[in-house]
Protein backbone atom coordinates (compact mmCIF):
# COMPACT_ATOMS: atom_id res chain seq x y z
CA MET A 1 -25.53 6.59 -19.80
CA GLY A 2 -22.35 7.72 -18.08
CA GLY A 3 -19.73 5.62 -16.36
CA VAL A 4 -20.31 4.19 -12.92
CA LYS A 5 -19.18 6.54 -10.16
CA LYS A 6 -16.82 5.06 -7.61
CA SER A 7 -17.74 5.40 -3.97
CA GLU A 8 -15.61 7.45 -1.63
CA LYS A 9 -14.63 4.27 0.19
CA ARG A 10 -13.43 2.67 -3.05
CA LEU A 11 -11.41 5.75 -3.96
CA LYS A 12 -9.68 5.69 -0.56
CA LYS A 13 -8.80 2.03 -1.04
CA GLU A 14 -7.32 2.77 -4.47
CA GLU A 15 -5.26 5.63 -3.02
CA TYR A 16 -3.98 3.33 -0.27
CA TRP A 17 -3.13 0.70 -2.91
CA LYS A 18 -1.08 3.26 -4.90
CA LYS A 19 0.65 4.54 -1.77
CA LEU A 20 1.65 1.02 -0.73
CA TRP A 21 2.98 0.26 -4.21
CA ALA A 22 5.00 3.50 -4.20
CA LEU A 23 6.52 2.59 -0.84
CA THR A 24 7.45 -0.88 -2.08
CA ASP A 25 9.29 0.75 -4.98
CA GLU A 26 11.09 3.14 -2.65
CA TYR A 27 12.05 0.79 0.20
CA LYS A 28 13.64 -2.68 0.11
CA LYS A 29 12.60 -3.81 3.58
CA ALA A 30 9.32 -3.79 5.48
CA VAL A 31 8.07 -4.80 8.91
CA PHE A 32 4.47 -5.80 9.51
CA VAL A 33 3.21 -5.34 13.04
CA ASP A 34 -0.10 -5.93 14.78
CA VAL A 35 -1.03 -2.83 16.78
CA ASP A 36 -3.84 -4.14 18.98
CA ASN A 37 -3.89 -2.44 22.38
CA VAL A 38 -1.37 0.23 21.35
CA SER A 39 -2.36 3.77 22.21
CA SER A 40 -2.27 6.63 19.72
CA GLN A 41 0.30 8.33 21.93
CA GLN A 42 2.60 5.31 21.65
CA LEU A 43 2.16 5.21 17.87
CA ASN A 44 2.92 8.93 17.67
CA LYS A 45 6.17 8.40 19.60
CA ILE A 46 7.18 5.58 17.25
CA ARG A 47 6.47 7.72 14.17
CA HIS A 48 8.51 10.53 15.70
CA LYS A 49 11.49 8.20 16.21
CA LEU A 50 11.22 6.81 12.67
CA ARG A 51 11.48 10.21 10.99
CA PRO A 52 15.23 10.83 11.59
CA ILE A 53 16.18 7.48 10.02
CA GLY A 54 13.99 8.04 6.95
CA ALA A 55 11.53 5.23 7.71
CA LYS A 56 7.79 5.43 7.12
CA MET A 57 4.79 3.92 8.86
CA LEU A 58 1.71 2.97 6.88
CA MET A 59 -1.26 1.47 8.65
CA GLY A 60 -3.98 -0.49 6.92
CA LYS A 61 -6.29 -3.46 6.86
CA ASN A 62 -4.77 -6.94 6.51
CA THR A 63 -6.84 -7.98 3.49
CA LEU A 64 -6.11 -4.79 1.57
CA MET A 65 -2.38 -5.01 2.26
CA LYS A 66 -2.24 -8.70 1.30
CA SER A 67 -4.15 -8.25 -1.95
CA SER A 68 -2.09 -5.20 -2.94
CA LEU A 69 1.24 -6.91 -2.29
CA THR A 70 0.13 -10.14 -3.96
CA LYS A 71 -0.85 -8.20 -7.09
CA LYS A 72 2.46 -6.31 -7.00
CA MET A 73 4.46 -9.56 -6.86
CA THR A 74 2.45 -11.32 -9.59
CA LYS A 75 3.93 -11.18 -13.09
CA PRO A 76 1.64 -9.18 -15.40
CA GLU A 77 -0.07 -11.16 -18.18
CA GLU A 78 -0.82 -9.68 -21.61
CA GLY A 79 -4.59 -9.81 -21.04
CA ASP A 80 -4.44 -7.77 -17.81
CA GLU A 81 -5.98 -4.30 -17.91
CA ASP A 82 -2.85 -2.81 -16.29
CA PHE A 83 -0.32 -4.81 -18.35
CA GLN A 84 1.25 -1.74 -20.00
CA GLU A 85 1.58 0.01 -16.66
CA ARG A 86 3.09 -2.90 -14.73
CA SER A 87 5.18 -4.67 -17.37
CA GLY A 88 7.99 -2.12 -17.20
CA SER A 89 8.21 -1.94 -13.42
CA TRP A 90 7.44 -5.52 -12.39
CA LYS A 91 10.16 -7.26 -10.35
C-alpha cells in the first residue's frame, strides 16, 4: 500500500503556510487588514502602490494565518516532526 495522497486543497494550504513563513523571515513588520467590501480594483491599486516601497500583500483565511504564525512563534520541541528544520531558524 502506498502513502496517502494529499488533496489539492491541502497542498495549496501547505504552499500558503510556506509562503507566509518565508515572508515572516524576510520582513520585520506586518499589517493585518480586513478587506470586506473592498473591490478588486481598489486592492489592485494598493498592490501597485506597495511595489515601489518593496512591500508585499498576502491574502488568506484568518484560521490558516493564525495557526501558521502560532506554529512559527512556538519553540520547537525535540519530539516534533519538524524539529530539525525549525530548531536552527526559530526566533
